[in-house]
Amino acid sequence: MRRFLLPADAARMVYRLARGEFIPPQVDDTELTPLEKAVRQYQAQRLADTHADLAVDPEFAQ
């Protein structure tokens, strides 16, 4: 059963991320709704496109 994050949960995750202690859980595609799968794919493509753009930009490609 899924539950929404509470503000205290989010604060704990940010704190642990900042300390390098938190690894977000991996969610299998079978657990996602069709909309969540579409958003995941969109975000992955957007990240790949952004990385490719930055990689060829002399200001950021070092």
Protein backbone atom coordinates (compact mmCIF):
# COMPACT_ATOMS: atom_id res chain seq x y z
CA MET A 1 0.00 0.00 0.00
CA ARG A 2 1.39 3.38 -0.97
CA ARG A 3 1.34 6.32 1.37
CA PHE A 4 2.07 9.93 0.81
CA LEU A 5 5.16 11.46 2.34
CA LEU A 6 4.66 13.57 5.39
CA PRO A 7 6.68 16.78 5.81
CA ALA A 8 8.80 15.08 8.48
CA ASP A 9 9.59 12.22 6.05
CA ALA A 10 10.66 14.70 3.38
CA ALA A 11 12.84 16.62 5.85
CA ARG A 12 14.54 13.39 6.94
CA MET A 13 15.21 12.40 3.33
CA VAL A 14 16.70 15.81 2.48
CA TYR A 15 18.92 15.63 5.57
CA ARG A 16 20.09 12.11 4.69
CA LEU A 17 20.63 13.05 1.03
CA ALA A 18 22.79 16.00 2.08
CA ARG A 19 24.89 13.67 4.23
CA GLY A 20 25.15 11.09 1.45
CA GLU A 21 23.27 8.51 3.52
CA PHE A 22 20.05 8.16 1.57
CA ILE A 23 19.55 6.10 -1.57
CA PRO A 24 16.02 6.51 -2.93
CA PRO A 25 14.15 3.21 -3.28
CA GLN A 26 13.86 1.77 -6.75
CA VAL A 27 10.29 1.24 -7.91
CA ASP A 28 9.62 -1.52 -10.41
CA ASP A 29 7.56 -0.52 -13.47
CA THR A 30 4.99 -3.17 -12.58
CA GLU A 31 4.07 -1.11 -9.50
CA LEU A 32 3.35 2.05 -11.52
CA THR A 33 0.14 3.26 -13.08
CA PRO A 34 0.17 4.00 -16.83
CA LEU A 35 0.39 7.73 -16.04
CA GLU A 36 3.34 7.20 -13.68
CA LYS A 37 5.09 5.12 -16.36
CA ALA A 38 4.56 7.90 -18.91
CA VAL A 39 5.93 10.52 -16.50
CA ARG A 40 8.93 8.30 -15.72
CA GLN A 41 9.69 7.91 -19.43
CA TYR A 42 9.24 11.63 -20.07
CA GLN A 43 11.57 12.56 -17.21
CA ALA A 44 14.19 10.05 -18.31
CA GLN A 45 14.16 11.43 -21.85
CA ARG A 46 14.27 15.01 -20.62
CA LEU A 47 17.27 14.23 -18.41
CA ALA A 48 19.05 12.47 -21.27
CA ASP A 49 18.42 15.44 -23.58
CA THR A 50 19.66 17.91 -20.96
CA HIS A 51 22.80 15.87 -20.35
CA ALA A 52 23.49 15.69 -24.08
CA ASP A 53 23.04 19.45 -24.44
CA LEU A 54 25.38 20.17 -21.54
CA ALA A 55 27.98 17.68 -22.77
CA VAL A 56 28.48 19.60 -26.03
CA ASP A 57 28.40 23.05 -24.44
CA PRO A 58 32.01 24.25 -23.93
CA GLU A 59 31.02 26.10 -20.76
CA PHE A 60 29.86 22.90 -19.03
CA ALA A 61 31.76 20.10 -20.80
CA GLN A 62 34.90 19.90 -18.72
